[in-house]
N, C-alpha and C. Protein backbone atom coordinates (compact mmCIF):
# COMPACT_ATOMS: atom_id res chain seq x y z
N MET A 1 0.85 -1.19 0.00
CA MET A 1 0.00 0.00 0.00
C MET A 1 0.88 1.24 0.00
N TRP A 2 0.51 2.22 -0.79
CA TRP A 2 1.20 3.49 -0.88
C TRP A 2 0.30 4.57 -0.30
N ALA A 3 0.89 5.51 0.44
CA ALA A 3 0.10 6.58 1.06
C ALA A 3 0.84 7.90 0.93
N LEU A 4 0.05 8.95 0.83
CA LEU A 4 0.59 10.30 0.72
C LEU A 4 -0.34 11.24 1.46
N THR A 5 0.22 12.13 2.28
CA THR A 5 -0.57 13.13 3.01
C THR A 5 -0.07 14.51 2.64
N LEU A 6 -1.01 15.41 2.37
CA LEU A 6 -0.67 16.79 2.02
C LEU A 6 -1.39 17.73 2.97
N GLN A 7 -0.67 18.66 3.58
CA GLN A 7 -1.27 19.70 4.41
C GLN A 7 -1.33 20.97 3.58
N VAL A 8 -2.49 21.62 3.57
CA VAL A 8 -2.72 22.79 2.73
C VAL A 8 -3.11 23.99 3.59
N GLN A 9 -2.43 25.12 3.34
CA GLN A 9 -2.78 26.40 3.95
C GLN A 9 -2.46 27.48 2.93
N SER A 10 -3.42 28.34 2.64
CA SER A 10 -3.23 29.37 1.63
C SER A 10 -3.00 30.73 2.28
N ARG A 11 -3.09 31.77 1.46
CA ARG A 11 -2.82 33.14 1.93
C ARG A 11 -3.82 33.64 2.96
N SER A 12 -5.06 33.14 2.87
CA SER A 12 -6.09 33.57 3.81
C SER A 12 -7.00 32.37 4.09
N LEU A 13 -7.79 32.49 5.13
CA LEU A 13 -8.72 31.42 5.47
C LEU A 13 -9.74 31.23 4.35
N THR A 14 -10.19 32.32 3.75
CA THR A 14 -11.14 32.24 2.64
C THR A 14 -10.55 31.45 1.48
N ASP A 15 -9.29 31.71 1.13
CA ASP A 15 -8.63 30.98 0.05
C ASP A 15 -8.44 29.51 0.42
N THR A 16 -8.08 29.25 1.67
CA THR A 16 -7.90 27.87 2.11
C THR A 16 -9.22 27.10 2.03
N LYS A 17 -10.32 27.74 2.41
CA LYS A 17 -11.63 27.10 2.31
C LYS A 17 -11.99 26.83 0.85
N ALA A 18 -11.63 27.75 -0.05
CA ALA A 18 -11.89 27.54 -1.48
C ALA A 18 -11.09 26.36 -2.00
N LEU A 19 -9.86 26.23 -1.57
CA LEU A 19 -9.05 25.09 -1.98
C LEU A 19 -9.65 23.77 -1.47
N ALA A 20 -10.13 23.78 -0.25
CA ALA A 20 -10.78 22.58 0.29
C ALA A 20 -12.04 22.26 -0.50
N ALA A 21 -12.78 23.29 -0.86
CA ALA A 21 -14.03 23.09 -1.60
C ALA A 21 -13.77 22.50 -2.98
N CYS A 22 -12.67 22.87 -3.61
CA CYS A 22 -12.38 22.34 -4.94
C CYS A 22 -12.10 20.85 -4.92
N LEU A 23 -11.78 20.31 -3.75
CA LEU A 23 -11.50 18.88 -3.62
C LEU A 23 -12.71 18.08 -3.12
N ALA A 24 -13.81 18.76 -2.88
CA ALA A 24 -14.97 18.14 -2.24
C ALA A 24 -15.46 16.88 -2.95
N THR A 25 -15.41 16.86 -4.26
CA THR A 25 -15.91 15.68 -4.98
C THR A 25 -14.82 14.65 -5.24
N ASP A 26 -13.56 14.98 -4.93
CA ASP A 26 -12.45 14.08 -5.22
C ASP A 26 -11.93 13.29 -4.02
N CYS A 27 -11.91 13.94 -2.86
CA CYS A 27 -11.35 13.28 -1.68
C CYS A 27 -11.83 13.98 -0.42
N GLU A 28 -11.63 13.33 0.68
CA GLU A 28 -12.03 13.89 1.98
C GLU A 28 -10.94 14.83 2.48
N THR A 29 -11.37 15.96 3.01
CA THR A 29 -10.43 16.89 3.63
C THR A 29 -10.65 16.86 5.14
N THR A 30 -9.57 16.95 5.88
CA THR A 30 -9.62 16.95 7.34
C THR A 30 -8.97 18.23 7.83
N TRP A 31 -9.76 19.06 8.51
CA TRP A 31 -9.21 20.32 9.03
C TRP A 31 -8.32 20.03 10.22
N GLN A 32 -7.09 20.53 10.18
CA GLN A 32 -6.11 20.33 11.25
C GLN A 32 -6.28 21.38 12.35
N ASP A 33 -6.62 22.58 11.92
CA ASP A 33 -6.87 23.70 12.82
C ASP A 33 -7.71 24.68 12.03
N GLU A 34 -7.80 25.91 12.46
CA GLU A 34 -8.65 26.89 11.77
C GLU A 34 -8.02 27.39 10.47
N GLN A 35 -6.77 27.07 10.22
CA GLN A 35 -6.07 27.64 9.07
C GLN A 35 -5.64 26.63 8.00
N SER A 36 -5.67 25.33 8.31
CA SER A 36 -5.14 24.36 7.35
C SER A 36 -5.93 23.05 7.39
N PHE A 37 -5.84 22.34 6.27
CA PHE A 37 -6.48 21.03 6.17
C PHE A 37 -5.51 20.05 5.52
N THR A 38 -5.80 18.78 5.63
CA THR A 38 -4.99 17.75 4.99
C THR A 38 -5.87 16.88 4.11
N ILE A 39 -5.21 16.29 3.12
CA ILE A 39 -5.84 15.22 2.35
C ILE A 39 -4.89 14.03 2.44
N GLU A 40 -5.45 12.85 2.39
CA GLU A 40 -4.64 11.64 2.42
C GLU A 40 -5.07 10.76 1.26
N LEU A 41 -4.09 10.32 0.51
CA LEU A 41 -4.34 9.43 -0.62
C LEU A 41 -3.72 8.08 -0.31
N ASN A 42 -4.45 7.02 -0.58
CA ASN A 42 -3.98 5.65 -0.37
C ASN A 42 -4.29 4.84 -1.62
N GLU A 43 -3.29 4.20 -2.16
CA GLU A 43 -3.46 3.37 -3.35
C GLU A 43 -2.58 2.13 -3.24
N ALA A 44 -3.02 1.07 -3.86
CA ALA A 44 -2.25 -0.18 -3.82
C ALA A 44 -0.99 -0.10 -4.68
N ALA A 45 -1.09 0.62 -5.80
CA ALA A 45 0.05 0.72 -6.72
C ALA A 45 0.59 2.14 -6.75
N CYS A 46 1.90 2.25 -6.85
CA CYS A 46 2.55 3.56 -6.89
C CYS A 46 2.06 4.38 -8.08
N LYS A 47 1.90 3.76 -9.24
CA LYS A 47 1.46 4.51 -10.42
C LYS A 47 0.06 5.06 -10.23
N ASP A 48 -0.80 4.36 -9.49
CA ASP A 48 -2.14 4.86 -9.21
C ASP A 48 -2.10 6.04 -8.24
N LEU A 49 -1.21 5.95 -7.25
CA LEU A 49 -1.04 7.05 -6.30
C LEU A 49 -0.55 8.30 -7.04
N ARG A 50 0.40 8.13 -7.94
CA ARG A 50 0.91 9.25 -8.72
C ARG A 50 -0.20 9.89 -9.55
N ALA A 51 -1.04 9.08 -10.16
CA ALA A 51 -2.14 9.61 -10.97
C ALA A 51 -3.13 10.39 -10.10
N MET A 52 -3.48 9.84 -8.94
CA MET A 52 -4.40 10.53 -8.04
C MET A 52 -3.77 11.82 -7.52
N TRP A 53 -2.50 11.79 -7.18
CA TRP A 53 -1.78 12.97 -6.71
C TRP A 53 -1.81 14.06 -7.78
N ASN A 54 -1.48 13.69 -9.02
CA ASN A 54 -1.47 14.67 -10.11
C ASN A 54 -2.84 15.30 -10.30
N THR A 55 -3.89 14.51 -10.23
CA THR A 55 -5.25 15.02 -10.40
C THR A 55 -5.58 16.03 -9.30
N ARG A 56 -5.29 15.69 -8.06
CA ARG A 56 -5.59 16.59 -6.94
C ARG A 56 -4.79 17.87 -7.03
N LEU A 57 -3.50 17.75 -7.37
CA LEU A 57 -2.66 18.94 -7.46
C LEU A 57 -3.09 19.85 -8.59
N ARG A 58 -3.47 19.30 -9.71
CA ARG A 58 -3.95 20.14 -10.81
C ARG A 58 -5.18 20.94 -10.39
N GLY A 59 -6.08 20.31 -9.65
CA GLY A 59 -7.26 21.01 -9.15
C GLY A 59 -6.88 22.13 -8.19
N LEU A 60 -5.94 21.87 -7.30
CA LEU A 60 -5.49 22.89 -6.36
C LEU A 60 -4.79 24.05 -7.08
N ILE A 61 -3.95 23.72 -8.04
CA ILE A 61 -3.23 24.75 -8.78
C ILE A 61 -4.21 25.62 -9.58
N ALA A 62 -5.17 25.00 -10.24
CA ALA A 62 -6.15 25.76 -11.02
C ALA A 62 -6.97 26.69 -10.12
N THR A 63 -7.41 26.17 -8.98
CA THR A 63 -8.20 26.98 -8.04
C THR A 63 -7.36 28.12 -7.49
N ASP A 64 -6.11 27.84 -7.14
CA ASP A 64 -5.24 28.89 -6.61
C ASP A 64 -5.01 29.98 -7.66
N SER A 65 -4.86 29.60 -8.92
CA SER A 65 -4.68 30.58 -9.99
C SER A 65 -5.90 31.49 -10.12
N VAL A 66 -7.08 30.92 -10.04
CA VAL A 66 -8.31 31.71 -10.11
C VAL A 66 -8.40 32.65 -8.91
N LEU A 67 -8.06 32.16 -7.73
CA LEU A 67 -8.09 33.00 -6.53
C LEU A 67 -7.12 34.17 -6.66
N GLN A 68 -5.96 33.94 -7.24
CA GLN A 68 -4.99 35.02 -7.42
C GLN A 68 -5.54 36.09 -8.37
N VAL A 69 -6.19 35.66 -9.45
CA VAL A 69 -6.76 36.62 -10.39
C VAL A 69 -7.86 37.43 -9.72
N PHE A 70 -8.75 36.74 -8.99
CA PHE A 70 -9.82 37.46 -8.28
C PHE A 70 -9.24 38.43 -7.25
N GLY A 71 -8.19 38.03 -6.58
CA GLY A 71 -7.57 38.88 -5.57
C GLY A 71 -6.98 40.14 -6.16
N LYS A 72 -6.49 40.06 -7.38
CA LYS A 72 -5.90 41.24 -8.04
C LYS A 72 -6.97 42.19 -8.54
N HIS A 73 -8.18 41.68 -8.75
CA HIS A 73 -9.23 42.50 -9.36
C HIS A 73 -10.40 42.81 -8.42
N SER A 74 -10.23 42.50 -7.14
CA SER A 74 -11.35 42.78 -6.22
C SER A 74 -11.10 44.05 -5.42
């Protein structure tokens, strides 16, 4: 079994909540405190874990990019 844990904290609580929301349909998020959350991925094969990791990270990166654009124009 392969496992990976990622702790996420963004520039603000609002941004961190948005990042957690973008993962709502993909995986469970666990809030560590008021400012950060974690996701944990578990897969039997390393190649499957890598694929799941890439999918989650792409979602986080895309959401963070949108948040940066909104932040510059609000």
